[in-house]
Amino acid sequence: MSQIWTAAIVTLLIEVLKQRSLHKWSFPKLLHFVRLNLMTHKSLRVWLDYPDVRMNDGKRNLEKPPEIGMQAQLPF
């Protein structure tokens, strides 16, 4: 019986986070990203509103993939 209540509470919390976020999250995507970032030290409010933005010294910078020259080269 406690598993049903736990699932209901998690569903309610995810829905509340989804409603308060500025970013347009889908329920499964938000649930997945919350699970991935559960043990990280991030501001929840900032992360919910700008999930693809990294904060550097209070300034927002979009994360970009590393340049090809910067990627590790694996010898074969």
C-alpha atoms as a PDB file:
ATOM      1  CA  MET A   1       0.000   0.000   0.000  1.00  0.00           C
ATOM      2  CA  SER A   2       2.881   2.396   0.738  1.00  0.00           C
ATOM      3  CA  GLN A   3       4.213   1.989  -2.831  1.00  0.00           C
ATOM      4  CA  ILE A   4       0.930   3.316  -4.211  1.00  0.00           C
ATOM      5  CA  TRP A   5       1.109   6.367  -1.936  1.00  0.00           C
ATOM      6  CA  THR A   6       4.766   6.941  -2.834  1.00  0.00           C
ATOM      7  CA  ALA A   7       3.984   6.793  -6.558  1.00  0.00           C
ATOM      8  CA  ALA A   8       1.037   9.165  -6.113  1.00  0.00           C
ATOM      9  CA  ILE A   9       3.153  11.682  -4.173  1.00  0.00           C
ATOM     10  CA  VAL A  10       5.981  11.531  -6.752  1.00  0.00           C
ATOM     11  CA  THR A  11       3.461  12.075  -9.553  1.00  0.00           C
ATOM     12  CA  LEU A  12       2.000  15.059  -7.738  1.00  0.00           C
ATOM     13  CA  LEU A  13       5.442  16.586  -7.068  1.00  0.00           C
ATOM     14  CA  ILE A  14       6.537  16.168 -10.696  1.00  0.00           C
ATOM     15  CA  GLU A  15       3.305  17.804 -11.877  1.00  0.00           C
ATOM     16  CA  VAL A  16       3.854  20.749  -9.507  1.00  0.00           C
ATOM     17  CA  LEU A  17       7.436  21.167 -10.779  1.00  0.00           C
ATOM     18  CA  LYS A  18       6.175  20.993 -14.364  1.00  0.00           C
ATOM     19  CA  GLN A  19       3.547  23.683 -13.744  1.00  0.00           C
ATOM     20  CA  ARG A  20       5.986  26.068 -12.016  1.00  0.00           C
ATOM     21  CA  SER A  21       8.746  25.729 -14.608  1.00  0.00           C
ATOM     22  CA  LEU A  22       9.249  28.254 -17.411  1.00  0.00           C
ATOM     23  CA  HIS A  23      10.597  25.508 -19.685  1.00  0.00           C
ATOM     24  CA  LYS A  24       8.029  23.378 -21.534  1.00  0.00           C
ATOM     25  CA  TRP A  25       8.637  19.959 -19.999  1.00  0.00           C
ATOM     26  CA  SER A  26       6.747  16.786 -20.824  1.00  0.00           C
ATOM     27  CA  PHE A  27       5.986  14.584 -17.822  1.00  0.00           C
ATOM     28  CA  PRO A  28       8.204  11.625 -18.837  1.00  0.00           C
ATOM     29  CA  LYS A  29      11.112  13.876 -19.828  1.00  0.00           C
ATOM     30  CA  LEU A  30      10.966  15.817 -16.559  1.00  0.00           C
ATOM     31  CA  LEU A  31      10.745  12.593 -14.552  1.00  0.00           C
ATOM     32  CA  HIS A  32      13.776  11.209 -16.409  1.00  0.00           C
ATOM     33  CA  PHE A  33      15.865  14.361 -15.897  1.00  0.00           C
ATOM     34  CA  VAL A  34      14.908  14.614 -12.222  1.00  0.00           C
ATOM     35  CA  ARG A  35      16.051  11.035 -11.769  1.00  0.00           C
ATOM     36  CA  LEU A  36      19.349  11.771 -13.553  1.00  0.00           C
ATOM     37  CA  ASN A  37      20.014  14.934 -11.524  1.00  0.00           C
ATOM     38  CA  LEU A  38      18.682  13.723  -8.183  1.00  0.00           C
ATOM     39  CA  MET A  39      22.083  13.566  -6.468  1.00  0.00           C
ATOM     40  CA  THR A  40      23.634  16.677  -8.043  1.00  0.00           C
ATOM     41  CA  HIS A  41      24.105  20.044  -6.375  1.00  0.00           C
ATOM     42  CA  LYS A  42      22.117  22.455  -8.543  1.00  0.00           C
ATOM     43  CA  SER A  43      19.575  25.153  -7.905  1.00  0.00           C
ATOM     44  CA  LEU A  44      16.267  23.435  -8.637  1.00  0.00           C
ATOM     45  CA  ARG A  45      14.517  26.616  -9.752  1.00  0.00           C
ATOM     46  CA  VAL A  46      17.268  27.601 -12.206  1.00  0.00           C
ATOM     47  CA  TRP A  47      17.625  24.057 -13.493  1.00  0.00           C
ATOM     48  CA  LEU A  48      13.876  23.714 -14.122  1.00  0.00           C
ATOM     49  CA  ASP A  49      13.658  27.015 -16.004  1.00  0.00           C
ATOM     50  CA  TYR A  50      16.902  26.702 -18.002  1.00  0.00           C
ATOM     51  CA  PRO A  51      17.826  22.997 -18.259  1.00  0.00           C
ATOM     52  CA  ASP A  52      20.311  23.425 -21.125  1.00  0.00           C
ATOM     53  CA  VAL A  53      22.112  26.430 -19.662  1.00  0.00           C
ATOM     54  CA  ARG A  54      25.237  26.339 -17.514  1.00  0.00           C
ATOM     55  CA  MET A  55      25.809  29.076 -14.944  1.00  0.00           C
ATOM     56  CA  ASN A  56      29.324  30.565 -14.829  1.00  0.00           C
ATOM     57  CA  ASP A  57      29.882  33.331 -12.279  1.00  0.00           C
ATOM     58  CA  GLY A  58      26.207  34.299 -12.388  1.00  0.00           C
ATOM     59  CA  LYS A  59      26.173  34.577 -16.187  1.00  0.00           C
ATOM     60  CA  ARG A  60      24.206  32.160 -18.324  1.00  0.00           C
ATOM     61  CA  ASN A  61      26.129  30.422 -21.092  1.00  0.00           C
ATOM     62  CA  LEU A  62      24.602  27.869 -23.414  1.00  0.00           C
ATOM     63  CA  GLU A  63      26.416  24.569 -23.317  1.00  0.00           C
ATOM     64  CA  LYS A  64      28.053  23.688 -26.619  1.00  0.00           C
ATOM     65  CA  PRO A  65      29.622  20.390 -27.619  1.00  0.00           C
ATOM     66  CA  PRO A  66      33.425  20.390 -27.647  1.00  0.00           C
ATOM     67  CA  GLU A  67      35.153  21.220 -30.889  1.00  0.00           C
ATOM     68  CA  ILE A  68      36.506  18.320 -32.913  1.00  0.00           C
ATOM     69  CA  GLY A  69      40.114  19.286 -32.101  1.00  0.00           C
ATOM     70  CA  MET A  70      39.293  19.249 -28.377  1.00  0.00           C
ATOM     71  CA  GLN A  71      37.779  15.753 -28.357  1.00  0.00           C
ATOM     72  CA  ALA A  72      39.874  12.833 -27.183  1.00  0.00           C
ATOM     73  CA  GLN A  73      41.386  10.779 -29.961  1.00  0.00           C
ATOM     74  CA  LEU A  74      41.318   7.036 -29.373  1.00  0.00           C
ATOM     75  CA  PRO A  75      44.107   5.001 -31.033  1.00  0.00           C
ATOM     76  CA  PHE A  76      42.935   1.932 -32.930  1.00  0.00           C
END
